[in-house]
N, C-alpha and C. Protein backbone atom coordinates (compact mmCIF):
# COMPACT_ATOMS: atom_id res chain seq x y z
N MET A 1 -52.68 44.92 22.80
CA MET A 1 -52.19 46.19 22.84
C MET A 1 -51.81 46.57 24.25
N LYS A 2 -50.72 47.39 24.31
CA LYS A 2 -50.19 47.95 25.29
C LYS A 2 -50.40 49.57 25.54
N GLN A 3 -50.82 49.95 26.63
CA GLN A 3 -51.13 51.41 26.86
C GLN A 3 -50.05 52.02 27.45
N ASN A 4 -49.88 53.10 27.02
CA ASN A 4 -48.69 54.07 27.61
C ASN A 4 -49.27 55.04 28.25
N ASN A 5 -48.26 55.99 28.98
CA ASN A 5 -48.69 57.16 29.95
C ASN A 5 -49.67 58.17 29.12
N LYS A 6 -49.73 58.28 27.85
CA LYS A 6 -50.23 59.27 27.22
C LYS A 6 -51.47 59.08 26.83
N ARG A 7 -52.25 57.90 27.45
CA ARG A 7 -53.51 57.39 27.01
C ARG A 7 -53.83 57.14 25.69
N ARG A 8 -52.65 56.65 24.87
CA ARG A 8 -52.95 56.11 23.72
C ARG A 8 -52.58 54.77 23.56
N TRP A 9 -53.00 54.04 22.72
CA TRP A 9 -52.76 52.57 22.49
C TRP A 9 -51.35 52.42 21.56
N LYS A 10 -50.59 51.56 22.25
CA LYS A 10 -49.41 51.29 21.48
C LYS A 10 -49.64 49.82 20.66
N PRO A 11 -49.51 49.87 19.46
CA PRO A 11 -49.59 48.67 18.51
C PRO A 11 -48.35 47.76 18.97
N THR A 12 -48.83 46.39 19.05
CA THR A 12 -47.62 45.37 19.19
C THR A 12 -47.79 44.49 18.05
N GLN A 13 -46.42 44.03 17.69
CA GLN A 13 -46.28 43.27 16.45
C GLN A 13 -46.51 41.75 16.91
N LEU A 14 -47.36 41.08 16.03
CA LEU A 14 -47.50 39.63 16.16
C LEU A 14 -46.33 38.91 15.75
N THR A 15 -46.13 37.69 16.32
CA THR A 15 -45.02 36.85 15.87
C THR A 15 -45.76 35.81 15.23
N ARG A 16 -44.83 34.98 14.43
CA ARG A 16 -45.53 33.82 13.80
C ARG A 16 -46.17 32.83 14.80
N ASP A 17 -45.46 32.42 15.89
CA ASP A 17 -46.00 31.85 16.97
C ASP A 17 -47.38 32.54 17.65
N ASP A 18 -47.57 33.74 17.87
CA ASP A 18 -48.70 34.24 18.17
C ASP A 18 -49.64 34.01 17.17
N ALA A 19 -49.61 34.19 16.16
CA ALA A 19 -50.65 34.17 15.00
C ALA A 19 -51.12 32.56 14.97
N ALA A 20 -50.26 31.77 15.16
CA ALA A 20 -50.77 30.23 15.06
C ALA A 20 -51.40 29.90 16.29
N ARG A 21 -50.83 30.40 17.47
CA ARG A 21 -51.62 30.10 18.79
C ARG A 21 -53.08 30.57 18.95
N ILE A 22 -53.09 31.92 18.44
CA ILE A 22 -54.35 32.60 18.52
C ILE A 22 -55.41 31.95 17.67
N THR A 23 -54.92 31.48 16.34
CA THR A 23 -55.73 30.91 15.33
C THR A 23 -56.31 29.65 15.92
N ALA A 24 -55.40 28.99 16.51
CA ALA A 24 -55.63 27.35 16.76
C ALA A 24 -56.61 27.56 18.06
N GLU A 25 -56.56 28.47 18.99
CA GLU A 25 -57.54 28.57 20.17
C GLU A 25 -58.82 29.18 19.51
N ALA A 26 -58.85 29.94 18.73
CA ALA A 26 -60.11 30.55 18.09
C ALA A 26 -60.83 29.28 17.42
N VAL A 27 -60.23 28.80 16.55
CA VAL A 27 -60.91 27.73 15.77
C VAL A 27 -61.43 26.51 16.77
N ASN A 28 -60.55 26.06 17.65
CA ASN A 28 -61.01 25.09 18.58
C ASN A 28 -62.26 25.51 19.71
N ALA A 29 -62.29 26.66 19.90
CA ALA A 29 -63.27 27.26 20.70
C ALA A 29 -64.60 27.31 19.94
N VAL A 30 -64.61 27.71 18.74
CA VAL A 30 -65.65 27.80 17.80
C VAL A 30 -66.31 26.38 17.69
N LEU A 31 -65.26 25.45 17.19
CA LEU A 31 -65.79 24.00 17.00
C LEU A 31 -66.30 23.31 18.28
N GLU A 32 -66.01 23.55 19.41
CA GLU A 32 -66.30 23.18 20.77
C GLU A 32 -67.64 23.64 20.93
N LYS A 33 -67.98 24.81 20.67
CA LYS A 33 -69.36 25.57 20.91
C LYS A 33 -70.27 24.98 20.01
N VAL A 34 -69.97 24.51 18.88
CA VAL A 34 -70.84 24.04 17.74
C VAL A 34 -71.09 22.80 17.85
N SER A 35 -70.30 21.83 18.66
CA SER A 35 -70.15 20.54 18.82
C SER A 35 -69.81 19.76 17.78
N ILE A 36 -68.82 20.30 17.03
CA ILE A 36 -68.40 19.77 15.55
C ILE A 36 -67.02 18.65 16.17
N ARG A 37 -67.15 17.55 15.75
CA ARG A 37 -66.10 16.62 16.04
C ARG A 37 -64.99 16.77 15.08
N GLN A 38 -64.29 18.13 15.00
CA GLN A 38 -63.15 18.33 14.36
C GLN A 38 -62.02 18.74 15.05
N ILE A 39 -60.76 18.63 14.71
CA ILE A 39 -59.62 19.22 15.32
C ILE A 39 -58.78 19.77 14.41
N VAL A 40 -58.01 20.95 14.82
CA VAL A 40 -56.94 21.67 14.17
C VAL A 40 -55.74 20.51 13.73
N GLU A 41 -55.42 20.18 12.85
CA GLU A 41 -54.60 19.16 12.57
C GLU A 41 -53.04 19.73 12.36
N GLY A 42 -53.12 20.86 11.77
CA GLY A 42 -51.82 21.72 11.38
C GLY A 42 -52.26 23.05 11.17
N ILE A 43 -51.10 24.01 11.45
CA ILE A 43 -51.17 25.50 11.07
C ILE A 43 -49.83 25.86 10.39
N VAL A 44 -49.98 26.66 9.39
CA VAL A 44 -48.59 27.11 8.71
C VAL A 44 -49.05 28.66 8.72
N VAL A 45 -48.17 29.45 9.14
CA VAL A 45 -48.09 30.89 9.25
C VAL A 45 -46.95 31.38 8.36
N LEU A 46 -47.44 32.27 7.28
CA LEU A 46 -46.54 32.64 6.27
C LEU A 46 -46.59 34.16 6.34
N PRO A 47 -45.45 34.72 6.22
CA PRO A 47 -45.42 36.31 5.86
C PRO A 47 -46.19 36.62 4.59
N ALA A 48 -46.92 37.67 4.59
CA ALA A 48 -47.33 37.94 3.27
C ALA A 48 -47.40 39.53 3.17
N GLY A 49 -46.43 40.10 3.60
CA GLY A 49 -46.13 41.52 3.38
C GLY A 49 -45.77 42.08 4.54
N GLU A 50 -45.53 43.38 4.77
CA GLU A 50 -45.11 44.14 5.87
C GLU A 50 -46.27 44.10 6.92
N GLY A 51 -46.01 43.25 8.17
CA GLY A 51 -46.95 43.24 9.12
C GLY A 51 -48.13 42.25 8.77
N VAL A 52 -48.35 41.70 7.61
CA VAL A 52 -49.43 40.79 7.26
C VAL A 52 -48.95 39.48 7.28
N TRP A 53 -49.89 38.36 7.91
CA TRP A 53 -49.62 37.09 8.05
C TRP A 53 -50.73 36.29 7.21
N LEU A 54 -50.19 35.33 6.50
CA LEU A 54 -51.17 34.40 5.96
C LEU A 54 -51.16 33.09 6.73
N VAL A 55 -52.59 32.69 7.13
CA VAL A 55 -52.47 31.43 7.90
C VAL A 55 -53.16 30.40 7.31
N ASP A 56 -52.65 29.17 7.20
CA ASP A 56 -53.19 27.98 6.55
C ASP A 56 -53.36 27.06 7.70
N VAL A 57 -54.81 26.56 7.70
CA VAL A 57 -55.19 25.74 8.76
C VAL A 57 -55.81 24.48 8.24
N VAL A 58 -55.32 23.33 8.63
CA VAL A 58 -55.80 21.99 8.24
C VAL A 58 -56.68 21.34 9.33
N MET A 59 -57.88 20.90 8.97
CA MET A 59 -58.62 20.44 9.86
C MET A 59 -59.00 18.82 9.68
N ARG A 60 -59.20 18.20 10.80
CA ARG A 60 -59.59 16.69 10.61
C ARG A 60 -60.77 16.51 11.08
N ASP A 61 -61.73 15.60 10.44
CA ASP A 61 -63.00 15.55 10.72
C ASP A 61 -62.83 14.07 11.39
N LEU A 62 -63.21 14.02 12.64
CA LEU A 62 -62.86 12.74 13.50
C LEU A 62 -63.95 11.72 13.18
N GLY A 63 -65.20 12.32 12.66
CA GLY A 63 -66.21 11.19 12.25
C GLY A 63 -66.06 10.66 11.06
N ALA A 64 -65.65 11.33 10.06
CA ALA A 64 -65.53 10.84 8.76
C ALA A 64 -63.91 10.33 8.18
N ASP A 65 -63.04 10.71 9.16
CA ASP A 65 -61.75 10.55 8.74
C ASP A 65 -61.12 11.38 7.63
N SER A 66 -61.60 12.52 7.36
CA SER A 66 -61.29 13.19 6.31
C SER A 66 -60.65 14.59 6.67
N ALA A 67 -59.96 15.39 5.81
CA ALA A 67 -59.42 16.60 6.14
C ALA A 67 -59.69 17.49 5.25
N TRP A 68 -59.99 18.82 5.51
CA TRP A 68 -60.26 20.03 4.76
C TRP A 68 -59.32 21.18 5.46
N ALA A 69 -59.12 22.19 4.57
CA ALA A 69 -58.33 23.13 4.96
C ALA A 69 -59.08 24.62 4.80
N PHE A 70 -58.63 25.69 5.15
CA PHE A 70 -58.94 26.98 5.02
C PHE A 70 -57.71 28.00 5.13
N SER A 71 -57.86 29.21 4.71
CA SER A 71 -56.81 30.20 4.93
C SER A 71 -57.45 31.58 5.23
N LEU A 72 -56.71 32.26 6.03
CA LEU A 72 -56.98 33.63 6.53
C LEU A 72 -55.79 34.57 6.55
N THR A 73 -56.07 35.58 6.34
CA THR A 73 -55.09 36.84 6.54
C THR A 73 -55.17 37.70 7.61
N ILE A 74 -54.19 37.86 8.45
CA ILE A 74 -54.28 38.74 9.55
C ILE A 74 -53.58 40.10 9.04
N PRO A 75 -54.22 41.04 8.99
CA PRO A 75 -53.63 42.26 8.58
C PRO A 75 -52.69 43.01 9.73
N PRO A 76 -51.96 44.07 9.31
CA PRO A 76 -51.12 44.40 10.28
C PRO A 76 -51.65 45.33 11.25
N VAL A 77 -51.14 45.27 12.50
CA VAL A 77 -51.89 45.86 13.81
C VAL A 77 -51.69 47.56 13.55
N GLN A 78 -52.89 48.17 13.56
CA GLN A 78 -52.85 49.58 13.50
C GLN A 78 -52.98 50.42 14.80
N GLU A 79 -52.41 51.62 14.82
CA GLU A 79 -52.54 52.28 16.23
C GLU A 79 -53.99 52.86 16.27
N GLN A 80 -54.41 52.70 17.52
CA GLN A 80 -55.68 53.23 17.79
C GLN A 80 -55.73 54.14 18.96
N THR A 81 -56.47 54.99 19.34
CA THR A 81 -56.61 55.85 20.33
C THR A 81 -57.69 55.56 21.13
N ASP A 82 -57.82 56.12 22.45
CA ASP A 82 -59.01 55.85 23.14
C ASP A 82 -60.14 56.73 22.94
N GLY A 83 -60.02 57.55 21.93
CA GLY A 83 -61.08 58.45 21.62
C GLY A 83 -60.78 59.99 22.12
N LEU A 84 -59.70 60.00 22.98
CA LEU A 84 -59.34 61.59 23.30
C LEU A 84 -58.27 62.22 22.47
N THR A 85 -58.52 63.38 22.20
CA THR A 85 -57.70 64.10 21.12
C THR A 85 -56.87 65.16 21.78
């Protein structure tokens, strides 16, 4: 989020690359914290409406040499204020 001079938050638009990068970083951070031997093998980011992204993530279990997947939806960015009216 970017802040302008009127003390209001200006929403920014996520790109496909942003969504993939943020998802991979978050999933890898969680897996590292819980000591699971899995890696993100692939990410596909698809548009799912105006400002909405569908993200499919394929994981590889390093111990069992198997793969599994999950999907998530990133909703559009909404404008927020800092509480001042």
